[in-house]
């Protein structure tokens, strides 16, 4: 007694001379069980295909993580834009401060005009300086307005990009829902196919598809890198061809008593009456199919689902089904990355434009500071004295002759040569919607505005004892 090498089938040695009784349990029953286990091994291939599908799903998840990383980069770019906006506000506050200083210079010019009897030549010089400062202020204001318009334009672009991002996100969620729905349909189809195969196997076992006994003979046995078995011919006469990996060279054994023909006959006798399910890959379905064969017809799909499965039943072909999943409507990772790069480029371009506008503002502010310094150099021996006053809305008196609103302050320390300057913070500056100036006289000074303030205002007063040169 011995057994075959690959399938471990039991066989009687030397059947011509052996006196052993034919063992039905081992020669038939156990051999059939081993053959069935060998066929079941093909099911493992299907499991491997399922594992490959899971690997592809993990790759999709990796692509999703990359998309989240790109989204974080977009948020970082948004943070940079906010930082630039804060810098712009800081420059704007600096411009307002310079504007307050310019107003102080304008007040000084008006005082010089009031005292032109002292020096007409100084008045002319101060008037020219005032015009220059006014022109620079207008240029600065124009630049600020342009920068503000550019900022608003960039904000609109950002909002548009944000809306497009939300639309893309909605599309992605819709695609994800479609993918999940397709996956559910695939699982349902796979369950139905497995149930059908189980039902089909039951019908086969019940003899519904039983045909003529099949005769298998051993054909070519060649060496190769991987083990492989192929079947040639049509039932009931078919040939088994083997490709087997070459193993290590063993020791030379004794010459056996069984010839190759006897071995082939023993294998053929053992599995000659096998009737089960076989898979056959075809390019075109035959006109008439055979029972017990599942025909795999190429469907031009992609792995792991590249075949449609058919069986011959009731004198016609019946399609079992396919588990192909359609992903054509889904956005590809490279398309998402391209869209993100486009938005990023637009944002960087807008940031660059704002940076240029900020540079222009800084140049104008520097020029204004230079002009103010030039005016201050014409004043000698300045001794600042400051205090804060709060003026209620009802305290302003309208001058019917000039139509200006005036507020009079009595101060014995003030003379007609004292330079009075008023500084406003941003909150109080918003309450005054017109130009104004301060005139000093012996014993006090008068604050004059073209229009009445909108509410109570607080002014930081600075008094300078001026000696005009």
Protein backbone atom coordinates (compact mmCIF):
# COMPACT_ATOMS: atom_id res chain seq x y z
CA UNK A 1 0.00 0.00 0.00
CA UNK A 2 1.23 3.56 -0.81
CA UNK A 3 -0.14 7.01 -1.71
CA UNK A 4 0.24 9.57 -4.50
CA UNK A 5 2.75 12.42 -4.08
CA UNK A 6 0.56 15.50 -4.61
CA UNK A 7 -2.98 14.57 -3.51
CA UNK A 8 -1.96 11.78 -1.11
CA UNK A 9 -4.43 9.33 -2.68
CA UNK A 10 -4.33 5.79 -1.35
CA UNK A 11 -3.37 3.06 -3.82
CA UNK A 12 -2.66 -0.66 -3.82
CA UNK A 13 0.89 -1.52 -4.83
CA UNK A 14 1.51 -4.26 -7.38
CA UNK A 15 -2.14 -4.89 -8.20
CA UNK A 16 -1.14 -7.77 -10.53
CA UNK A 17 0.56 -9.77 -7.77
CA UNK A 18 -0.77 -8.32 -4.53
CA UNK A 19 -3.07 -10.51 -2.43
CA UNK A 20 -4.53 -7.52 -0.53
CA UNK A 21 -8.28 -7.11 -0.40
CA UNK A 22 -9.69 -4.00 -2.15
CA UNK A 23 -10.23 -1.45 0.61
CA UNK A 24 -13.35 0.53 -0.31
CA UNK A 25 -12.97 2.98 2.57
CA UNK A 26 -9.43 4.02 1.62
CA UNK A 27 -9.46 3.44 -2.13
CA UNK A 28 -12.73 5.25 -2.72
CA UNK A 29 -14.15 7.16 0.23
CA UNK A 30 -10.94 8.65 1.62
CA UNK A 31 -9.57 9.31 -1.85
CA UNK A 32 -12.76 11.13 -2.77
CA UNK A 33 -12.43 13.27 0.37
CA UNK A 34 -8.86 14.21 -0.55
CA UNK A 35 -9.91 15.10 -4.10
CA UNK A 36 -12.69 17.28 -2.76
CA UNK A 37 -10.27 19.05 -0.40
CA UNK A 38 -7.96 19.66 -3.35
CA UNK A 39 -10.85 21.27 -5.28
CA UNK A 40 -11.84 23.34 -2.24
CA UNK A 41 -8.32 24.76 -2.25
CA UNK A 42 -9.37 26.78 -5.27
CA UNK A 43 -11.71 28.69 -2.95
CA UNK A 44 -8.63 30.09 -1.25
CA UNK A 45 -7.80 31.88 -4.47
CA UNK A 46 -11.12 33.68 -4.23
CA UNK A 47 -10.29 34.70 -0.64
CA UNK A 48 -6.93 36.05 -1.85
CA UNK A 49 -8.80 38.18 -4.39
CA UNK A 50 -10.98 39.56 -1.59
CA UNK A 51 -7.85 40.42 0.39
CA UNK A 52 -6.54 42.29 -2.64
CA UNK A 53 -9.79 44.28 -2.72
CA UNK A 54 -9.31 45.20 0.94
CA UNK A 55 -5.76 46.36 0.14
CA UNK A 56 -7.16 48.66 -2.56
CA UNK A 57 -9.61 50.06 -0.02
CA UNK A 58 -6.72 50.83 2.33
CA UNK A 59 -4.98 52.66 -0.55
CA UNK A 60 -8.16 54.71 -1.04
CA UNK A 61 -8.10 55.59 2.66
CA UNK A 62 -4.46 56.68 2.30
CA UNK A 63 -5.48 59.01 -0.55
CA UNK A 64 -8.23 60.42 1.70
CA UNK A 65 -5.64 61.13 4.40
CA UNK A 66 -3.52 62.97 1.82
CA UNK A 67 -6.54 65.11 0.95
CA UNK A 68 -6.94 66.00 4.66
CA UNK A 69 -3.25 66.97 4.75
CA UNK A 70 -3.80 69.31 1.78
CA UNK A 71 -6.79 70.80 3.59
CA UNK A 72 -4.55 71.55 6.60
CA UNK A 73 -2.14 73.32 4.25
CA UNK A 74 -5.03 75.42 2.95
CA UNK A 75 -5.88 76.40 6.54
CA UNK A 76 -2.25 77.36 7.11
CA UNK A 77 -2.43 79.62 4.03
CA UNK A 78 -5.60 81.17 5.49
CA UNK A 79 -3.73 81.85 8.76
CA UNK A 80 -1.01 83.63 6.75
CA UNK A 81 -3.67 85.75 5.08
CA UNK A 82 -5.11 86.71 8.49
CA UNK A 83 -1.63 87.62 9.72
CA UNK A 84 -1.15 89.88 6.68
CA UNK A 85 -4.54 91.45 7.37
CA UNK A 86 -3.50 92.17 10.97
CA UNK A 87 -0.30 93.77 9.66
CA UNK A 88 -2.38 95.91 7.33
CA UNK A 89 -4.54 97.08 10.25
CA UNK A 90 -1.39 97.90 12.20
CA UNK A 91 -0.14 100.01 9.28
CA UNK A 92 -3.55 101.68 9.08
CA UNK A 93 -3.35 102.61 12.77
CA UNK A 94 0.09 104.03 12.15
CA UNK A 95 -1.35 106.02 9.25
CA UNK A 96 -4.07 107.38 11.53
CA UNK A 97 -1.41 108.42 14.02
CA UNK A 98 0.46 110.21 11.26
CA UNK A 99 -2.81 111.79 10.19
CA UNK A 100 -3.26 113.16 13.73
CA UNK A 101 0.23 114.58 13.58
CA UNK A 102 -0.60 116.08 10.19
CA UNK A 103 -3.66 117.73 11.71
CA UNK A 104 -1.44 119.16 14.42
CA UNK A 105 0.82 120.54 11.71
CA UNK A 106 -2.23 121.99 9.95
CA UNK A 107 -3.23 123.67 13.22
CA UNK A 108 0.22 125.15 13.50
CA UNK A 109 -0.14 126.50 9.97
CA UNK A 110 -3.47 128.15 10.84
CA UNK A 111 -1.87 129.74 13.91
CA UNK A 112 0.96 131.00 11.79
CA UNK A 113 -1.68 132.46 9.45
CA UNK A 114 -3.37 134.20 12.40
CA UNK A 115 -0.01 135.73 13.39
CA UNK A 116 1.11 136.61 9.85
CA UNK A 117 1.68 140.24 10.99
CA UNK A 118 4.72 138.91 12.88
CA UNK A 119 6.26 137.32 9.82
CA UNK A 120 4.61 137.25 6.39
CA UNK A 121 7.57 135.35 5.03
CA UNK A 122 7.10 132.56 7.57
CA UNK A 123 3.43 132.32 6.65
CA UNK A 124 4.28 131.78 2.99
CA UNK A 125 6.81 129.09 3.86
CA UNK A 126 4.36 127.35 6.21
CA UNK A 127 1.61 127.58 3.59
CA UNK A 128 3.79 125.84 1.04
CA UNK A 129 4.69 123.21 3.59
CA UNK A 130 1.03 122.73 4.38
CA UNK A 131 0.18 122.22 0.71
CA UNK A 132 2.95 119.69 0.40
CA UNK A 133 1.76 117.81 3.47
CA UNK A 134 -1.84 117.95 2.19
CA UNK A 135 -0.79 116.55 -1.16
CA UNK A 136 1.15 113.75 0.50
CA UNK A 137 -1.82 113.00 2.73
CA UNK A 138 -4.12 112.77 -0.30
CA UNK A 139 -1.63 110.45 -2.00
CA UNK A 140 -1.45 108.33 1.12
CA UNK A 141 -5.24 108.28 1.38
CA UNK A 142 -5.52 107.28 -2.27
CA UNK A 143 -3.03 104.48 -1.73
CA UNK A 144 -4.95 103.36 1.37
CA UNK A 145 -8.24 103.35 -0.56
CA UNK A 146 -6.64 101.28 -3.33
CA UNK A 147 -5.22 98.87 -0.76
CA UNK A 148 -8.65 98.61 0.89
CA UNK A 149 -10.29 97.91 -2.46
CA UNK A 150 -7.64 95.28 -3.16
CA UNK A 151 -8.26 93.73 0.26
CA UNK A 152 -12.02 93.62 -0.37
CA UNK A 153 -11.39 92.06 -3.79
CA UNK A 154 -9.12 89.44 -2.24
CA UNK A 155 -11.74 88.77 0.42
CA UNK A 156 -14.35 88.18 -2.29
CA UNK A 157 -11.94 85.83 -4.06
CA UNK A 158 -11.35 84.00 -0.77
CA UNK A 159 -15.09 83.67 -0.17
CA UNK A 160 -15.53 82.39 -3.75
CA UNK A 161 -12.74 79.87 -3.23
CA UNK A 162 -14.31 78.83 0.06
CA UNK A 163 -17.67 78.28 -1.65
CA UNK A 164 -15.93 76.24 -4.36
CA UNK A 165 -14.18 74.20 -1.66
CA UNK A 166 -17.51 73.54 0.04
CA UNK A 167 -18.98 72.51 -3.34
CA UNK A 168 -16.04 70.16 -3.91
CA UNK A 169 -16.51 68.74 -0.42
CA UNK A 170 -20.22 68.16 -1.17
CA UNK A 171 -19.25 66.37 -4.40
CA UNK A 172 -16.76 64.25 -2.48
CA UNK A 173 -19.38 63.31 0.11
CA UNK A 174 -21.83 62.47 -2.70
CA UNK A 175 -19.21 60.30 -4.38
CA UNK A 176 -18.47 58.62 -1.05
CA UNK A 177 -22.19 57.85 -0.63
CA UNK A 178 -22.29 56.43 -4.18
CA UNK A 179 -19.22 54.32 -3.42
CA UNK A 180 -20.76 53.00 -0.20
CA UNK A 181 -24.00 52.24 -2.08
CA UNK A 182 -22.04 50.44 -4.83
CA UNK A 183 -20.12 48.52 -2.17
CA UNK A 184 -23.40 47.45 -0.52
CA UNK A 185 -24.77 46.37 -3.91
CA UNK A 186 -21.55 44.43 -4.59
CA UNK A 187 -21.82 42.66 -1.23
CA UNK A 188 -25.47 41.79 -1.94
CA UNK A 189 -24.50 40.49 -5.39
CA UNK A 190 -21.60 38.51 -3.88
CA UNK A 191 -23.92 36.97 -1.27
CA UNK A 192 -26.44 36.10 -3.97
CA UNK A 193 -23.69 34.53 -6.12
CA UNK A 194 -22.39 32.45 -3.21
CA UNK A 195 -25.92 31.32 -2.38
CA UNK A 196 -26.47 30.42 -6.03
CA UNK A 197 -23.20 28.44 -6.14
CA UNK A 198 -24.18 26.61 -2.95
CA UNK A 199 -27.57 25.86 -4.43
CA UNK A 200 -25.89 24.80 -7.67
CA UNK A 201 -23.52 22.48 -5.81
CA UNK A 202 -26.50 20.94 -4.04
CA UNK A 203 -28.19 20.33 -7.33
CA UNK A 204 -24.98 18.81 -8.66
CA UNK A 205 -24.69 16.55 -5.62
CA UNK A 206 -28.31 15.52 -6.11
CA UNK A 207 -27.39 14.37 -9.61
CA UNK A 208 -29.36 17.02 -11.50
CA UNK A 209 -26.41 17.79 -13.80
CA UNK A 210 -24.90 14.32 -13.85
CA UNK A 211 -23.52 13.38 -17.25
CA UNK A 212 -21.31 10.70 -18.69
CA UNK A 213 -18.33 9.64 -16.54
CA UNK A 214 -15.23 11.66 -17.28
CA UNK A 215 -11.92 9.94 -18.09
CA UNK A 216 -8.73 11.80 -17.16
CA UNK A 217 -5.26 10.77 -18.32
CA UNK A 218 -1.84 12.18 -17.44
CA UNK A 219 -0.27 14.17 -20.26
CA UNK A 220 2.86 16.32 -20.01
CA UNK A 221 4.77 16.82 -16.76
CA UNK A 222 7.23 19.76 -17.09
CA UNK A 223 9.17 21.91 -14.65
CA UNK A 224 8.42 25.58 -13.92
CA UNK A 225 8.61 28.30 -11.24
CA UNK A 226 5.07 27.66 -9.88
CA UNK A 227 2.95 24.53 -9.66
CA UNK A 228 0.13 24.46 -12.23
CA UNK A 229 -2.37 21.93 -13.58
CA UNK A 230 -4.23 22.39 -16.88
CA UNK A 231 -6.89 20.25 -18.62
CA UNK A 232 -6.91 19.61 -22.35
CA UNK A 233 -9.78 18.27 -24.38
CA UNK A 234 -13.49 18.00 -23.71
CA UNK A 235 -15.41 15.72 -21.36
CA UNK A 236 -15.60 12.71 -21.11
CA UNK A 237 -11.99 12.32 -22.40
CA UNK A 238 -9.55 14.89 -20.98
CA UNK A 239 -5.80 15.12 -20.35
CA UNK A 240 -4.12 16.53 -17.23
CA UNK A 241 -0.86 18.46 -17.84
CA UNK A 242 1.35 19.30 -14.83
CA UNK A 243 3.93 22.07 -14.34
CA UNK A 244 5.95 21.39 -11.18
CA UNK A 245 8.78 23.38 -9.51
CA UNK A 246 12.10 21.59 -9.60
CA UNK A 247 13.21 20.56 -6.12
CA UNK A 248 16.64 19.83 -4.73
CA UNK A 249 18.38 16.87 -6.28
CA UNK A 250 17.94 13.79 -4.12
CA UNK A 251 19.83 10.59 -3.75
CA UNK A 252 19.45 8.05 -6.51
CA UNK A 253 17.02 5.37 -5.47
CA UNK A 254 16.48 1.80 -6.40
CA UNK A 255 14.78 0.97 -9.63
CA UNK A 256 11.06 0.52 -9.11
CA UNK A 257 8.78 -2.18 -10.36
CA UNK A 258 5.99 0.21 -11.54
CA UNK A 259 6.24 1.74 -15.04
CA UNK A 260 5.01 5.24 -15.98
CA UNK A 261 2.12 3.72 -17.88
CA UNK A 262 1.07 1.73 -14.82
CA UNK A 263 1.23 4.87 -12.63
CA UNK A 264 -0.85 6.87 -15.11
CA UNK A 265 -3.40 4.09 -15.27
CA UNK A 266 -3.63 3.95 -11.46
CA UNK A 267 -4.24 7.73 -11.24
CA UNK A 268 -6.77 7.60 -14.06
CA UNK A 269 -8.60 4.72 -12.40
CA UNK A 270 -8.68 6.63 -9.11
CA UNK A 271 -10.24 9.80 -10.51
CA UNK A 272 -11.74 8.53 -13.76
CA UNK A 273 -15.33 8.77 -12.62
CA UNK A 274 -15.04 12.25 -11.08
CA UNK A 275 -18.03 14.45 -11.87
CA UNK A 276 -17.87 17.95 -10.23
CA UNK A 277 -17.68 21.69 -10.93
CA UNK A 278 -14.91 22.97 -13.23
CA UNK A 279 -13.95 26.54 -14.25
CA UNK A 280 -13.06 27.33 -17.87
CA UNK A 281 -11.87 30.73 -19.19
CA UNK A 282 -13.25 31.47 -22.68
CA UNK A 283 -13.16 34.41 -25.06
CA UNK A 284 -16.57 33.58 -26.54
CA UNK A 285 -19.28 31.31 -25.15
CA UNK A 286 -19.66 28.06 -27.14
CA UNK A 287 -22.90 27.39 -28.97
CA UNK A 288 -23.68 24.49 -26.63
CA UNK A 289 -22.31 24.33 -23.09
CA UNK A 290 -21.49 21.37 -20.91
CA UNK A 291 -22.86 20.50 -17.52
CA UNK A 292 -20.54 20.81 -14.55
CA UNK A 293 -18.50 23.72 -16.04
CA UNK A 294 -18.62 27.37 -14.98
CA UNK A 295 -17.53 29.44 -18.01
CA UNK A 296 -15.52 32.60 -17.20
CA UNK A 297 -16.11 35.16 -20.00
CA UNK A 298 -13.80 38.21 -20.12
CA UNK A 299 -15.78 41.42 -19.46
CA UNK A 300 -13.00 43.99 -20.16
CA UNK A 301 -13.05 45.00 -16.48
CA UNK A 302 -10.17 45.47 -14.04
CA UNK A 303 -8.83 43.15 -11.37
CA UNK A 304 -10.07 41.52 -9.22
CA UNK A 305 -13.34 41.30 -11.22
CA UNK A 306 -12.49 40.70 -14.89
CA UNK A 307 -14.93 37.87 -15.72
CA UNK A 308 -18.69 37.29 -16.04
CA UNK A 309 -19.70 33.78 -14.88
CA UNK A 310 -22.06 31.54 -16.90
CA UNK A 311 -23.39 27.94 -16.55
CA UNK A 312 -25.24 25.70 -19.05
CA UNK A 313 -28.70 24.88 -17.70
CA UNK A 314 -31.99 23.97 -19.35
CA UNK A 315 -30.34 24.03 -22.83
CA UNK A 316 -29.23 27.67 -22.43
CA UNK A 317 -26.57 29.75 -20.69
CA UNK A 318 -27.44 31.34 -17.32
CA UNK A 319 -25.29 34.27 -16.03
CA UNK A 320 -24.39 33.91 -12.37
CA UNK A 321 -23.27 37.50 -12.04
CA UNK A 322 -20.28 39.78 -11.48
CA UNK A 323 -19.07 41.90 -8.60
CA UNK A 324 -17.58 44.70 -10.64
CA UNK A 325 -17.78 48.13 -8.89
CA UNK A 326 -18.10 51.29 -11.02
CA UNK A 327 -15.85 54.08 -9.66
CA UNK A 328 -15.90 56.28 -12.78
CA UNK A 329 -17.94 59.03 -11.07
CA UNK A 330 -15.49 59.45 -8.18
CA UNK A 331 -13.00 62.29 -8.01
CA UNK A 332 -9.40 61.14 -8.39
CA UNK A 333 -6.77 62.11 -5.81
CA UNK A 334 -4.66 63.83 -8.48
CA UNK A 335 -7.69 65.98 -9.55
CA UNK A 336 -8.28 67.07 -5.92
CA UNK A 337 -4.58 67.87 -5.47
CA UNK A 338 -4.59 69.94 -8.72
CA UNK A 339 -7.62 71.98 -7.56
CA UNK A 340 -6.01 72.63 -4.15
CA UNK A 341 -2.77 73.79 -5.85
CA UNK A 342 -4.77 76.18 -8.09
CA UNK A 343 -6.51 77.77 -5.07
CA UNK A 344 -3.18 77.94 -3.21
CA UNK A 345 -1.55 79.76 -6.18
CA UNK A 346 -4.40 82.32 -6.29
CA UNK A 347 -4.10 82.96 -2.55
CA UNK A 348 -0.33 83.42 -2.79
CA UNK A 349 -0.83 85.88 -5.67
CA UNK A 350 -3.35 87.90 -3.62
CA UNK A 351 -1.01 87.91 -0.62
CA UNK A 352 1.79 89.21 -2.87
CA UNK A 353 -0.44 92.04 -4.13
CA UNK A 354 -1.35 93.05 -0.57
CA UNK A 355 2.34 93.01 0.37
CA UNK A 356 3.09 95.44 -2.47
CA UNK A 357 0.28 97.75 -1.33
CA UNK A 358 1.62 97.62 2.24
CA UNK A 359 5.09 98.60 0.97
CA UNK A 360 3.59 101.61 -0.83
CA UNK A 361 1.84 102.71 2.37
CA UNK A 362 5.07 102.41 4.33
CA UNK A 363 6.87 104.62 1.75
CA UNK A 364 4.16 107.30 1.98
CA UNK A 365 4.19 107.19 5.77
CA UNK A 366 7.97 107.62 5.78
CA UNK A 367 7.67 110.63 3.45
CA UNK A 368 5.01 112.18 5.70
CA UNK A 369 7.25 111.73 8.73
CA UNK A 370 10.07 113.48 6.83
CA UNK A 371 7.81 116.45 5.97
CA UNK A 372 6.58 116.73 9.56
CA UNK A 373 10.15 116.65 10.84
CA UNK A 374 11.03 119.43 8.39
CA UNK A 375 8.22 121.60 9.77
CA UNK A 376 9.17 120.86 13.37
CA UNK A 377 12.74 122.00 12.70
CA UNK A 378 11.40 125.53 12.10
CA UNK A 379 10.21 125.72 15.71
CA UNK A 380 12.70 126.38 18.54
CA UNK A 381 12.50 126.07 22.33
CA UNK A 382 9.28 124.01 22.42
CA UNK A 383 8.15 123.26 25.97
CA UNK A 384 5.15 120.81 25.91
CA UNK A 385 2.45 121.14 28.56
CA UNK A 386 -0.50 118.72 28.24
CA UNK A 387 -3.87 117.93 29.74
CA UNK A 388 -7.13 116.16 28.73
CA UNK A 389 -10.50 117.87 28.34
CA UNK A 390 -13.94 116.36 27.73
CA UNK A 391 -16.48 118.46 25.80
CA UNK A 392 -20.18 117.63 26.00
CA UNK A 393 -22.39 117.91 22.93
CA UNK A 394 -24.30 120.94 24.34
CA UNK A 395 -21.12 122.91 25.11
CA UNK A 396 -20.44 123.83 21.49
CA UNK A 397 -21.51 127.34 20.38
CA UNK A 398 -22.23 128.15 16.76
CA UNK A 399 -20.60 131.36 15.42
CA UNK A 400 -23.26 132.91 13.20
CA UNK A 401 -20.69 134.98 11.32
CA UNK A 402 -18.45 132.07 10.32
CA UNK A 403 -21.05 129.25 10.73
CA UNK A 404 -18.36 127.31 12.66
CA UNK A 405 -18.85 125.59 16.02
CA UNK A 406 -16.58 126.88 18.80
CA UNK A 407 -15.56 125.82 22.29
CA UNK A 408 -13.75 128.43 24.41
CA UNK A 409 -11.23 127.46 27.12
CA UNK A 410 -9.98 130.04 29.67
CA UNK A 411 -6.33 129.43 30.59
CA UNK A 412 -4.08 132.14 32.11
CA UNK A 413 -0.95 130.19 31.09
CA UNK A 414 -1.80 130.60 27.39
CA UNK A 415 -0.73 133.61 25.30
CA UNK A 416 -1.20 134.46 21.66
CA UNK A 417 2.23 132.94 21.00
CA UNK A 418 1.32 129.59 22.63
CA UNK A 419 0.90 126.74 20.13
CA UNK A 420 -2.13 124.57 21.03
CA UNK A 421 -2.47 121.06 19.53
CA UNK A 422 -5.34 118.58 20.01
CA UNK A 423 -4.92 114.80 19.66
CA UNK A 424 -7.81 112.34 19.24
CA UNK A 425 -7.83 108.56 19.59
CA UNK A 426 -9.67 106.45 16.98
CA UNK A 427 -12.94 106.32 18.96
CA UNK A 428 -13.17 110.12 19.39
CA UNK A 429 -11.92 110.80 15.86
CA UNK A 430 -14.95 108.91 14.52
CA UNK A 431 -17.22 111.34 16.42
CA UNK A 432 -15.82 114.36 14.52
CA UNK A 433 -16.75 114.33 10.83
CA UNK A 434 -15.15 117.67 9.81
CA UNK A 435 -11.89 119.60 9.88
CA UNK A 436 -10.98 121.94 12.71
CA UNK A 437 -8.24 124.05 14.26
CA UNK A 438 -7.31 125.75 17.55
CA UNK A 439 -6.62 129.49 17.95
CA UNK A 440 -4.77 130.77 21.00
CA UNK A 441 -5.01 134.23 22.58
CA UNK A 442 -3.83 135.91 25.76
CA UNK A 443 -5.67 134.07 28.55
CA UNK A 444 -7.02 131.07 26.68
CA UNK A 445 -7.67 129.24 23.39
CA UNK A 446 -10.60 128.38 21.16
CA UNK A 447 -11.35 125.02 19.49
CA UNK A 448 -13.09 125.55 16.13
CA UNK A 449 -14.87 122.86 14.02
CA UNK A 450 -16.65 123.15 10.67
CA UNK A 451 -19.47 120.83 11.87
CA UNK A 452 -20.86 119.92 15.26
CA UNK A 453 -19.52 116.61 16.67
CA UNK A 454 -21.78 113.55 16.76
CA UNK A 455 -21.31 112.96 20.49
CA UNK A 456 -19.26 113.93 23.54
CA UNK A 457 -15.55 114.00 22.70
CA UNK A 458 -12.33 113.78 24.71
CA UNK A 459 -9.28 115.69 23.41
CA UNK A 460 -5.66 115.45 24.54
CA UNK A 461 -4.43 119.08 24.61
CA UNK A 462 -0.74 119.92 24.19
CA UNK A 463 0.50 123.49 24.77
CA UNK A 464 3.81 124.65 23.34
CA UNK A 465 5.49 127.93 24.17
CA UNK A 466 6.75 128.87 20.72
CA UNK A 467 9.47 131.26 19.68
CA UNK A 468 9.21 131.87 15.95
CA UNK A 469 12.52 132.25 14.09
